[in-house]
Amino acid sequence: MIKVMIQAEAGSRDKARYDEKTMTSMGTGRVSRPYPYPYGFVVDTTAADGDNVDCYVVGHDDPKSGTIVECEPVALLEQIETGETDHKVLAVIAGLDAIIPADALEVLRELIHGVFADYPDSTVSVGPLRSREAAIGYIRNGQDGWAADTT
């Protein structure tokens, strides 16, 4: 079980910004495309880039921005930003079926490439979806936690 702070609601272009370590609100930013799923970060984690682990909450529930929800990790999306690891966990609200929408990878690739099109000095590579075990390993260990998993 993980706790996810929701920063952006599904369908919104607004993203609440936080000091992820202290949970202090730092205002709101805006992205060029709406988030297809609620987006946030896993509380009390540190990813390879030093920030908290990023997370999309997929499924049938729609948590609101500024809330913390209990979730189960279901997959790991490989993402490299300008040469640095910035993978994303996919999770579902605890108690819901752990089903990833069939088009989730395509939808997320479109979002990510669309947002990065606004930053010509940055590059992004979006890889495949990895297993639940890879997501758990990444949450626990950062970059090295998923390396051995090839599913």
Protein backbone atom coordinates (compact mmCIF):
# COMPACT_ATOMS: atom_id res chain seq x y z
CA MET A 1 0.00 0.00 0.00
CA ILE A 2 1.25 3.49 -0.87
CA LYS A 3 -0.04 6.98 -0.16
CA VAL A 4 -0.30 9.31 -3.15
CA MET A 5 -0.65 13.10 -2.90
CA ILE A 6 -2.83 14.15 -5.84
CA GLN A 7 -1.47 17.25 -7.60
CA ALA A 8 -3.65 17.22 -10.73
CA GLU A 9 -7.13 15.88 -11.35
CA ALA A 10 -8.01 13.91 -14.45
CA GLY A 11 -9.04 16.31 -17.21
CA SER A 12 -7.26 19.29 -15.65
CA ARG A 13 -4.25 21.22 -16.91
CA ASP A 14 -3.62 22.64 -13.44
CA LYS A 15 -1.01 20.99 -11.22
CA ALA A 16 -0.65 21.89 -7.56
CA ARG A 17 3.01 22.27 -6.64
CA TYR A 18 4.38 21.11 -3.29
CA ASP A 19 7.64 20.90 -1.50
CA GLU A 20 7.34 17.14 -1.65
CA LYS A 21 9.44 16.53 1.44
CA THR A 22 7.56 18.91 3.76
CA MET A 23 4.17 18.75 1.94
CA THR A 24 4.07 22.57 1.90
CA SER A 25 1.92 24.04 -0.87
CA MET A 26 3.87 26.14 -3.36
CA GLY A 27 1.08 27.31 -5.67
CA THR A 28 -0.25 25.96 -8.92
CA GLY A 29 1.32 25.48 -12.34
CA ARG A 30 -0.26 24.76 -15.68
CA VAL A 31 0.67 22.27 -18.39
CA SER A 32 -0.22 22.45 -22.07
CA ARG A 33 -2.39 19.33 -22.07
CA PRO A 34 -4.93 17.94 -19.62
CA TYR A 35 -3.90 15.04 -17.44
CA PRO A 36 -5.72 11.87 -18.55
CA TYR A 37 -5.53 10.40 -15.04
CA PRO A 38 -5.08 11.91 -11.59
CA TYR A 39 -1.36 12.63 -11.12
CA GLY A 40 0.77 13.14 -8.05
CA PHE A 41 3.61 11.69 -6.04
CA VAL A 42 4.12 8.84 -3.61
CA VAL A 43 4.48 10.26 -0.10
CA ASP A 44 7.73 9.56 1.79
CA THR A 45 9.72 8.28 -1.21
CA THR A 46 12.75 9.46 -3.13
CA ALA A 47 13.23 8.67 -6.81
CA ALA A 48 16.48 8.63 -8.77
CA ASP A 49 16.06 12.35 -9.58
CA GLY A 50 15.83 13.28 -5.87
CA ASP A 51 12.12 14.13 -6.00
CA ASN A 52 9.37 11.88 -4.71
CA VAL A 53 8.27 9.04 -6.99
CA ASP A 54 5.70 10.30 -9.54
CA CYS A 55 2.40 8.44 -9.86
CA TYR A 56 -0.65 8.26 -12.13
CA VAL A 57 -3.79 6.88 -10.47
CA VAL A 58 -5.63 4.83 -13.08
CA GLY A 59 -9.02 3.22 -12.59
CA HIS A 60 -12.57 4.24 -11.98
CA ASP A 61 -12.19 6.59 -9.02
CA ASP A 62 -11.28 10.26 -9.50
CA PRO A 63 -9.49 11.70 -6.46
CA LYS A 64 -9.34 15.46 -6.12
CA SER A 65 -6.27 17.68 -6.13
CA GLY A 66 -4.79 18.21 -2.68
CA THR A 67 -5.98 14.88 -1.30
CA ILE A 68 -3.88 11.94 -0.19
CA VAL A 69 -5.22 8.58 -1.31
CA GLU A 70 -4.20 5.03 -0.44
CA CYS A 71 -3.29 3.09 -3.55
CA GLU A 72 -1.86 -0.18 -4.78
CA PRO A 73 0.92 0.03 -7.40
CA VAL A 74 0.07 -1.88 -10.59
CA ALA A 75 2.81 -0.98 -13.10
CA LEU A 76 5.88 1.13 -13.80
CA LEU A 77 6.18 3.41 -16.84
CA GLU A 78 9.77 3.91 -17.96
CA GLN A 79 10.53 7.56 -18.66
CA ILE A 80 13.87 9.26 -19.31
CA GLU A 81 14.02 13.07 -19.31
CA THR A 82 17.11 14.62 -20.86
CA GLY A 83 19.17 11.59 -19.91
CA GLU A 84 17.82 11.25 -16.35
CA THR A 85 15.53 8.55 -15.00
CA ASP A 86 12.05 9.84 -14.09
CA HIS A 87 9.85 6.74 -14.18
CA LYS A 88 6.18 6.91 -13.22
CA VAL A 89 4.25 4.45 -11.07
CA LEU A 90 0.75 3.54 -12.15
CA ALA A 91 -1.54 2.76 -9.23
CA VAL A 92 -5.19 2.14 -8.41
CA ILE A 93 -7.15 3.28 -5.39
CA ALA A 94 -6.94 0.63 -2.67
CA GLY A 95 -9.84 -1.78 -2.90
CA LEU A 96 -10.47 -1.29 -6.61
CA ASP A 97 -9.61 -3.87 -9.25
CA ALA A 98 -5.97 -3.58 -10.32
CA ILE A 99 -6.78 -3.12 -14.00
CA ILE A 100 -4.71 -0.90 -16.24
CA PRO A 101 -6.81 0.65 -19.04
CA ALA A 102 -5.92 -0.99 -22.38
CA ASP A 103 -4.92 2.34 -23.91
CA ALA A 104 -3.01 3.67 -20.87
CA LEU A 105 0.44 3.47 -22.45
CA GLU A 106 -0.69 5.21 -25.64
CA VAL A 107 -2.57 7.90 -23.70
CA LEU A 108 0.38 8.59 -21.39
CA ARG A 109 2.90 8.69 -24.26
CA GLU A 110 0.72 11.24 -26.05
CA LEU A 111 0.49 13.39 -22.92
CA ILE A 112 4.19 13.23 -22.09
CA HIS A 113 5.42 13.90 -25.63
CA GLY A 114 2.85 16.69 -25.99
CA VAL A 115 3.97 18.42 -22.79
CA PHE A 116 7.66 18.08 -23.69
CA ALA A 117 7.04 19.58 -27.13
CA ASP A 118 6.81 22.90 -25.27
CA TYR A 119 10.40 22.47 -24.01
CA PRO A 120 12.68 22.24 -27.07
CA ASP A 121 15.85 22.07 -24.95
CA SER A 122 14.60 18.92 -23.21
CA THR A 123 14.20 15.41 -24.55
CA VAL A 124 11.96 12.64 -23.33
CA SER A 125 11.82 8.94 -23.98
CA VAL A 126 8.83 6.89 -22.87
CA GLY A 127 9.43 3.17 -22.66
CA PRO A 128 7.15 0.23 -21.94
CA LEU A 129 5.02 -0.54 -18.93
CA ARG A 130 6.78 -2.84 -16.49
CA SER A 131 5.25 -5.11 -13.87
CA ARG A 132 3.76 -4.41 -10.47
CA GLU A 133 6.93 -5.86 -8.95
CA ALA A 134 9.02 -3.36 -10.92
CA ALA A 135 6.86 -0.53 -9.57
CA ILE A 136 7.27 -1.74 -6.00
CA GLY A 137 11.03 -2.08 -6.48
CA TYR A 138 11.26 1.43 -7.92
CA ILE A 139 9.28 2.87 -5.02
CA ARG A 140 11.56 1.14 -2.52
CA ASN A 141 14.90 1.57 -4.25
CA GLY A 142 14.69 4.23 -6.94
CA GLN A 143 16.32 3.55 -10.28
CA ASP A 144 18.00 0.24 -9.39
CA GLY A 145 14.83 -1.39 -8.10
CA TRP A 146 13.35 -2.16 -11.49
CA ALA A 147 16.46 -3.01 -13.52
CA ALA A 148 16.26 -6.78 -13.19
CA ASP A 149 12.58 -6.92 -14.11
CA THR A 150 11.89 -7.42 -17.81
CA THR A 151 8.16 -8.09 -17.73
